């Protein structure tokens, strides 16, 4: 069965860093685009970063601060978050997809940026 498990969330001070991981299983990881989304309280879920092979894209709000990467051998996607801001506080979700008809979601990991 397909499973995506996020980890690495927690409490960090503004300006700090955090590295999220998403371990995938149950599908051919290398064939899927991987994304990180986030959802803050009372807000809609938003796309933060996406990686397809060696190509990446980022939301304007995180560009220059966040880096998405993947290790196909480990079936894991990462999100390195630097210079964190309070507005980055959200539940971060990992998503895998090959098409609009086939997508999988993790259950999320909480990131809280506060002093």
N, C-alpha and C. Protein backbone atom coordinates (compact mmCIF):
# COMPACT_ATOMS: atom_id res chain seq x y z
N UNK A 1 0.83 -1.18 0.00
CA UNK A 1 0.00 0.00 0.00
C UNK A 1 0.87 1.25 0.00
N UNK A 2 0.32 2.31 -0.57
CA UNK A 2 1.05 3.57 -0.67
C UNK A 2 1.09 4.26 0.68
N UNK A 3 2.26 4.80 1.00
CA UNK A 3 2.41 5.52 2.24
C UNK A 3 3.42 6.65 2.09
N UNK A 4 3.07 7.81 2.61
CA UNK A 4 3.97 8.95 2.68
C UNK A 4 4.00 9.41 4.13
N UNK A 5 5.18 9.44 4.70
CA UNK A 5 5.32 9.79 6.11
C UNK A 5 6.27 10.97 6.26
N UNK A 6 5.72 12.09 6.71
CA UNK A 6 6.53 13.29 6.93
C UNK A 6 7.16 13.26 8.32
N UNK A 7 8.29 13.90 8.43
CA UNK A 7 8.95 14.04 9.72
C UNK A 7 9.84 15.27 9.69
N UNK A 8 10.28 15.70 10.85
CA UNK A 8 11.20 16.81 10.94
C UNK A 8 10.58 18.12 11.38
N UNK A 9 9.28 18.15 11.54
CA UNK A 9 8.63 19.37 11.99
C UNK A 9 8.92 19.64 13.45
N UNK A 10 8.56 20.83 13.88
CA UNK A 10 8.77 21.20 15.26
C UNK A 10 8.71 22.69 15.46
N UNK A 11 9.17 23.12 16.61
CA UNK A 11 9.20 24.53 16.96
C UNK A 11 10.59 25.11 16.70
N UNK A 12 10.62 26.23 16.01
CA UNK A 12 11.89 26.88 15.70
C UNK A 12 11.71 28.39 15.82
N UNK A 13 12.77 29.08 16.20
CA UNK A 13 12.73 30.53 16.31
C UNK A 13 12.85 31.20 14.95
N UNK A 14 12.31 32.40 14.81
CA UNK A 14 12.47 33.13 13.55
C UNK A 14 13.94 33.22 13.17
N UNK A 15 14.22 33.00 11.89
CA UNK A 15 15.59 33.01 11.42
C UNK A 15 16.26 31.66 11.49
N UNK A 16 15.61 30.71 12.13
CA UNK A 16 16.16 29.38 12.26
C UNK A 16 15.92 28.52 11.05
N UNK A 17 16.37 27.29 11.13
CA UNK A 17 16.25 26.35 10.02
C UNK A 17 15.63 25.04 10.47
N UNK A 18 15.05 24.36 9.52
CA UNK A 18 14.43 23.08 9.77
C UNK A 18 14.49 22.28 8.48
N UNK A 19 14.63 20.99 8.62
CA UNK A 19 14.65 20.11 7.45
C UNK A 19 13.55 19.07 7.58
N UNK A 20 12.63 19.10 6.64
CA UNK A 20 11.55 18.14 6.61
C UNK A 20 11.90 16.98 5.70
N UNK A 21 11.43 15.80 6.06
CA UNK A 21 11.63 14.62 5.25
C UNK A 21 10.28 13.96 4.98
N UNK A 22 10.18 13.32 3.85
CA UNK A 22 8.98 12.57 3.50
C UNK A 22 9.42 11.24 2.92
N UNK A 23 9.19 10.18 3.65
CA UNK A 23 9.57 8.84 3.22
C UNK A 23 8.40 8.18 2.52
N UNK A 24 8.64 7.71 1.31
CA UNK A 24 7.59 7.12 0.49
C UNK A 24 7.77 5.62 0.34
N UNK A 25 6.66 4.93 0.20
CA UNK A 25 6.70 3.49 -0.04
C UNK A 25 5.42 3.07 -0.75
N UNK A 26 5.48 1.93 -1.41
CA UNK A 26 4.30 1.38 -2.06
C UNK A 26 4.10 1.80 -3.50
N UNK A 27 5.03 2.56 -4.05
CA UNK A 27 4.96 2.95 -5.45
C UNK A 27 6.36 3.25 -5.96
N UNK A 28 6.48 3.38 -7.28
CA UNK A 28 7.78 3.64 -7.89
C UNK A 28 8.10 5.12 -7.75
N UNK A 29 8.80 5.44 -6.70
CA UNK A 29 9.06 6.82 -6.31
C UNK A 29 9.64 7.67 -7.43
N UNK A 30 10.60 7.14 -8.16
CA UNK A 30 11.30 7.92 -9.17
C UNK A 30 10.40 8.38 -10.31
N UNK A 31 9.28 7.75 -10.50
CA UNK A 31 8.37 8.10 -11.58
C UNK A 31 7.38 9.19 -11.20
N UNK A 32 7.42 9.62 -9.96
CA UNK A 32 6.46 10.60 -9.47
C UNK A 32 7.08 11.96 -9.21
N UNK A 33 6.32 12.99 -9.53
CA UNK A 33 6.67 14.32 -9.08
C UNK A 33 6.36 14.40 -7.60
N UNK A 34 7.20 15.10 -6.87
CA UNK A 34 7.00 15.25 -5.43
C UNK A 34 6.85 16.72 -5.08
N UNK A 35 5.95 16.98 -4.17
CA UNK A 35 5.67 18.36 -3.79
C UNK A 35 5.53 18.49 -2.28
N UNK A 36 5.76 19.71 -1.82
CA UNK A 36 5.45 20.09 -0.45
C UNK A 36 4.38 21.17 -0.48
N UNK A 37 3.35 20.95 0.29
CA UNK A 37 2.29 21.92 0.48
C UNK A 37 2.27 22.31 1.96
N UNK A 38 1.60 23.40 2.24
CA UNK A 38 1.41 23.77 3.63
C UNK A 38 0.04 24.40 3.81
N UNK A 39 -0.46 24.29 5.02
CA UNK A 39 -1.75 24.86 5.35
C UNK A 39 -1.69 25.47 6.74
N UNK A 40 -1.87 26.77 6.79
CA UNK A 40 -1.90 27.49 8.05
C UNK A 40 -3.33 27.52 8.56
N UNK A 41 -3.51 27.73 9.87
CA UNK A 41 -4.86 27.79 10.44
C UNK A 41 -5.73 28.81 9.73
N UNK A 42 -6.91 28.40 9.31
CA UNK A 42 -7.84 29.29 8.64
C UNK A 42 -7.48 29.65 7.21
N UNK A 43 -6.44 29.04 6.69
CA UNK A 43 -5.99 29.33 5.33
C UNK A 43 -6.14 28.11 4.43
N UNK A 44 -6.15 28.35 3.13
CA UNK A 44 -6.19 27.26 2.18
C UNK A 44 -4.81 26.64 2.03
N UNK A 45 -4.80 25.40 1.66
CA UNK A 45 -3.54 24.71 1.40
C UNK A 45 -2.85 25.32 0.19
N UNK A 46 -1.56 25.55 0.29
CA UNK A 46 -0.83 26.16 -0.80
C UNK A 46 0.40 25.35 -1.17
N UNK A 47 0.72 25.37 -2.44
CA UNK A 47 1.92 24.70 -2.93
C UNK A 47 3.15 25.50 -2.53
N UNK A 48 4.10 24.83 -1.92
CA UNK A 48 5.32 25.47 -1.46
C UNK A 48 6.47 25.19 -2.42
N UNK A 49 6.64 23.94 -2.80
CA UNK A 49 7.74 23.55 -3.68
C UNK A 49 7.41 22.25 -4.38
N UNK A 50 8.01 22.07 -5.54
CA UNK A 50 7.79 20.85 -6.31
C UNK A 50 9.07 20.46 -7.02
N UNK A 51 9.29 19.17 -7.14
CA UNK A 51 10.46 18.67 -7.84
C UNK A 51 10.07 17.53 -8.76
N UNK A 52 10.49 17.65 -10.02
CA UNK A 52 10.28 16.62 -11.03
C UNK A 52 11.64 16.35 -11.65
N UNK A 53 12.16 15.19 -11.38
CA UNK A 53 13.52 14.89 -11.78
C UNK A 53 14.43 15.96 -11.16
N UNK A 54 15.20 16.65 -11.99
CA UNK A 54 16.08 17.68 -11.48
C UNK A 54 15.50 19.08 -11.52
N UNK A 55 14.28 19.21 -11.96
CA UNK A 55 13.64 20.52 -12.05
C UNK A 55 12.86 20.84 -10.78
N UNK A 56 12.99 22.08 -10.33
CA UNK A 56 12.30 22.50 -9.12
C UNK A 56 11.53 23.79 -9.35
N UNK A 57 10.53 24.01 -8.52
CA UNK A 57 9.80 25.26 -8.53
C UNK A 57 9.43 25.59 -7.09
N UNK A 58 9.27 26.90 -6.81
CA UNK A 58 8.98 27.36 -5.47
C UNK A 58 7.95 28.46 -5.49
N UNK A 59 7.18 28.51 -4.44
CA UNK A 59 6.30 29.65 -4.25
C UNK A 59 7.16 30.89 -4.01
N UNK A 60 6.68 32.03 -4.47
CA UNK A 60 7.43 33.26 -4.30
C UNK A 60 7.75 33.55 -2.84
N UNK A 61 6.86 33.16 -1.96
CA UNK A 61 7.03 33.45 -0.55
C UNK A 61 8.19 32.71 0.10
N UNK A 62 8.65 31.63 -0.53
CA UNK A 62 9.72 30.84 0.06
C UNK A 62 10.98 30.79 -0.81
N UNK A 63 10.90 31.30 -2.01
CA UNK A 63 12.04 31.24 -2.92
C UNK A 63 13.25 31.94 -2.32
N UNK A 64 14.38 31.26 -2.38
CA UNK A 64 15.60 31.78 -1.81
C UNK A 64 15.82 31.34 -0.38
N UNK A 65 14.79 30.81 0.26
CA UNK A 65 14.89 30.35 1.64
C UNK A 65 14.72 28.84 1.76
N UNK A 66 13.87 28.27 0.91
CA UNK A 66 13.59 26.84 0.96
C UNK A 66 14.24 26.13 -0.21
N UNK A 67 14.61 24.88 -0.01
CA UNK A 67 15.17 24.05 -1.06
C UNK A 67 14.55 22.66 -1.01
N UNK A 68 13.97 22.24 -2.12
CA UNK A 68 13.42 20.90 -2.20
C UNK A 68 14.44 20.00 -2.90
N UNK A 69 14.55 18.78 -2.44
CA UNK A 69 15.46 17.82 -3.05
C UNK A 69 14.88 16.43 -2.88
N UNK A 70 15.42 15.49 -3.61
CA UNK A 70 14.93 14.12 -3.50
C UNK A 70 16.07 13.14 -3.64
N UNK A 71 15.90 12.01 -2.99
CA UNK A 71 16.84 10.91 -3.08
C UNK A 71 16.04 9.71 -3.53
N UNK A 72 16.10 9.42 -4.82
CA UNK A 72 15.29 8.34 -5.36
C UNK A 72 15.70 6.97 -4.81
N UNK A 73 16.96 6.81 -4.49
CA UNK A 73 17.43 5.55 -3.92
C UNK A 73 16.81 5.29 -2.56
N UNK A 74 16.51 6.36 -1.84
CA UNK A 74 15.89 6.26 -0.52
C UNK A 74 14.40 6.50 -0.55
N UNK A 75 13.87 6.80 -1.74
CA UNK A 75 12.44 7.12 -1.89
C UNK A 75 12.02 8.19 -0.88
N UNK A 76 12.82 9.23 -0.82
CA UNK A 76 12.58 10.29 0.15
C UNK A 76 12.73 11.66 -0.50
N UNK A 77 11.83 12.56 -0.15
CA UNK A 77 11.93 13.94 -0.59
C UNK A 77 12.13 14.81 0.64
N UNK A 78 12.91 15.88 0.48
CA UNK A 78 13.26 16.74 1.59
C UNK A 78 12.85 18.18 1.30
N UNK A 79 12.68 18.92 2.36
CA UNK A 79 12.47 20.36 2.25
C UNK A 79 13.35 21.04 3.28
N UNK A 80 14.42 21.65 2.81
CA UNK A 80 15.30 22.40 3.69
C UNK A 80 14.75 23.82 3.81
N UNK A 81 14.44 24.24 5.01
CA UNK A 81 13.84 25.53 5.25
C UNK A 81 14.80 26.38 6.07
N UNK A 82 15.26 27.47 5.48
CA UNK A 82 16.17 28.38 6.15
C UNK A 82 15.53 29.74 6.35
N UNK A 83 16.08 30.51 7.27
CA UNK A 83 15.57 31.84 7.56
C UNK A 83 14.06 31.82 7.75
N UNK A 84 13.61 30.95 8.60
CA UNK A 84 12.18 30.79 8.80
C UNK A 84 11.53 32.02 9.42
N UNK A 85 10.31 32.26 9.01
CA UNK A 85 9.53 33.39 9.47
C UNK A 85 8.26 32.91 10.13
N UNK A 86 7.67 33.72 11.01
CA UNK A 86 6.42 33.31 11.66
C UNK A 86 5.33 32.92 10.66
N UNK A 87 5.30 33.58 9.51
CA UNK A 87 4.29 33.27 8.51
C UNK A 87 4.51 31.92 7.84
N UNK A 88 5.62 31.27 8.12
CA UNK A 88 5.85 29.92 7.62
C UNK A 88 5.16 28.87 8.49
N UNK A 89 4.63 29.29 9.62
CA UNK A 89 3.95 28.38 10.51
C UNK A 89 2.76 27.73 9.81
N UNK A 90 2.75 26.41 9.79
CA UNK A 90 1.70 25.67 9.10
C UNK A 90 1.94 24.18 9.28
N UNK A 91 0.96 23.41 8.86
CA UNK A 91 1.17 21.98 8.72
C UNK A 91 1.68 21.75 7.31
N UNK A 92 2.79 21.07 7.20
CA UNK A 92 3.41 20.81 5.92
C UNK A 92 3.11 19.39 5.46
N UNK A 93 2.65 19.28 4.22
CA UNK A 93 2.24 18.01 3.66
C UNK A 93 3.09 17.63 2.46
N UNK A 94 3.36 16.37 2.34
CA UNK A 94 4.08 15.81 1.21
C UNK A 94 3.08 15.21 0.23
N UNK A 95 3.29 15.44 -1.06
CA UNK A 95 2.41 14.88 -2.08
C UNK A 95 3.21 14.25 -3.20
N UNK A 96 2.74 13.11 -3.68
CA UNK A 96 3.31 12.43 -4.83
C UNK A 96 2.25 12.35 -5.91
N UNK A 97 2.64 12.60 -7.15
CA UNK A 97 1.66 12.48 -8.22
C UNK A 97 2.33 12.22 -9.56
N UNK A 98 1.60 11.48 -10.40
CA UNK A 98 2.02 11.27 -11.78
C UNK A 98 1.06 11.94 -12.75
N UNK A 99 -0.14 12.17 -12.31
CA UNK A 99 -1.18 12.81 -13.09
C UNK A 99 -2.22 13.35 -12.14
N UNK A 100 -3.22 14.04 -12.70
CA UNK A 100 -4.30 14.55 -11.87
C UNK A 100 -5.16 13.42 -11.32
N UNK A 101 -5.09 12.28 -11.94
CA UNK A 101 -5.90 11.14 -11.51
C UNK A 101 -5.22 10.30 -10.44
N UNK A 102 -3.93 10.48 -10.30
CA UNK A 102 -3.17 9.66 -9.35
C UNK A 102 -2.31 10.55 -8.48
N UNK A 103 -2.69 10.67 -7.24
CA UNK A 103 -1.90 11.44 -6.29
C UNK A 103 -2.04 10.85 -4.89
N UNK A 104 -1.00 11.01 -4.12
CA UNK A 104 -0.97 10.50 -2.76
C UNK A 104 -0.50 11.60 -1.82
N UNK A 105 -1.05 11.59 -0.63
CA UNK A 105 -0.74 12.62 0.37
C UNK A 105 -0.27 12.01 1.68
N UNK A 106 0.65 12.69 2.31
CA UNK A 106 1.03 12.34 3.66
C UNK A 106 0.06 12.99 4.63
N UNK A 107 0.24 12.71 5.90
CA UNK A 107 -0.66 13.24 6.92
C UNK A 107 -0.20 14.56 7.52
N UNK A 108 0.99 14.98 7.17
CA UNK A 108 1.46 16.29 7.57
C UNK A 108 2.34 16.30 8.81
N UNK A 109 3.13 17.35 8.91
CA UNK A 109 3.96 17.58 10.07
C UNK A 109 3.90 19.07 10.42
N UNK A 110 3.76 19.36 11.69
CA UNK A 110 3.58 20.74 12.14
C UNK A 110 4.91 21.47 12.21
N UNK A 111 4.93 22.66 11.63
CA UNK A 111 6.06 23.56 11.73
C UNK A 111 5.58 24.84 12.39
N UNK A 112 6.19 25.19 13.49
CA UNK A 112 5.82 26.41 14.21
C UNK A 112 7.04 27.30 14.35
N UNK A 113 6.93 28.51 13.84
CA UNK A 113 8.02 29.49 13.91
C UNK A 113 7.59 30.59 14.87
N UNK A 114 8.22 30.62 16.01
CA UNK A 114 7.83 31.57 17.04
C UNK A 114 8.98 31.83 18.00
N UNK A 115 9.02 33.04 18.52
CA UNK A 115 10.02 33.40 19.51
C UNK A 115 9.47 33.22 20.92
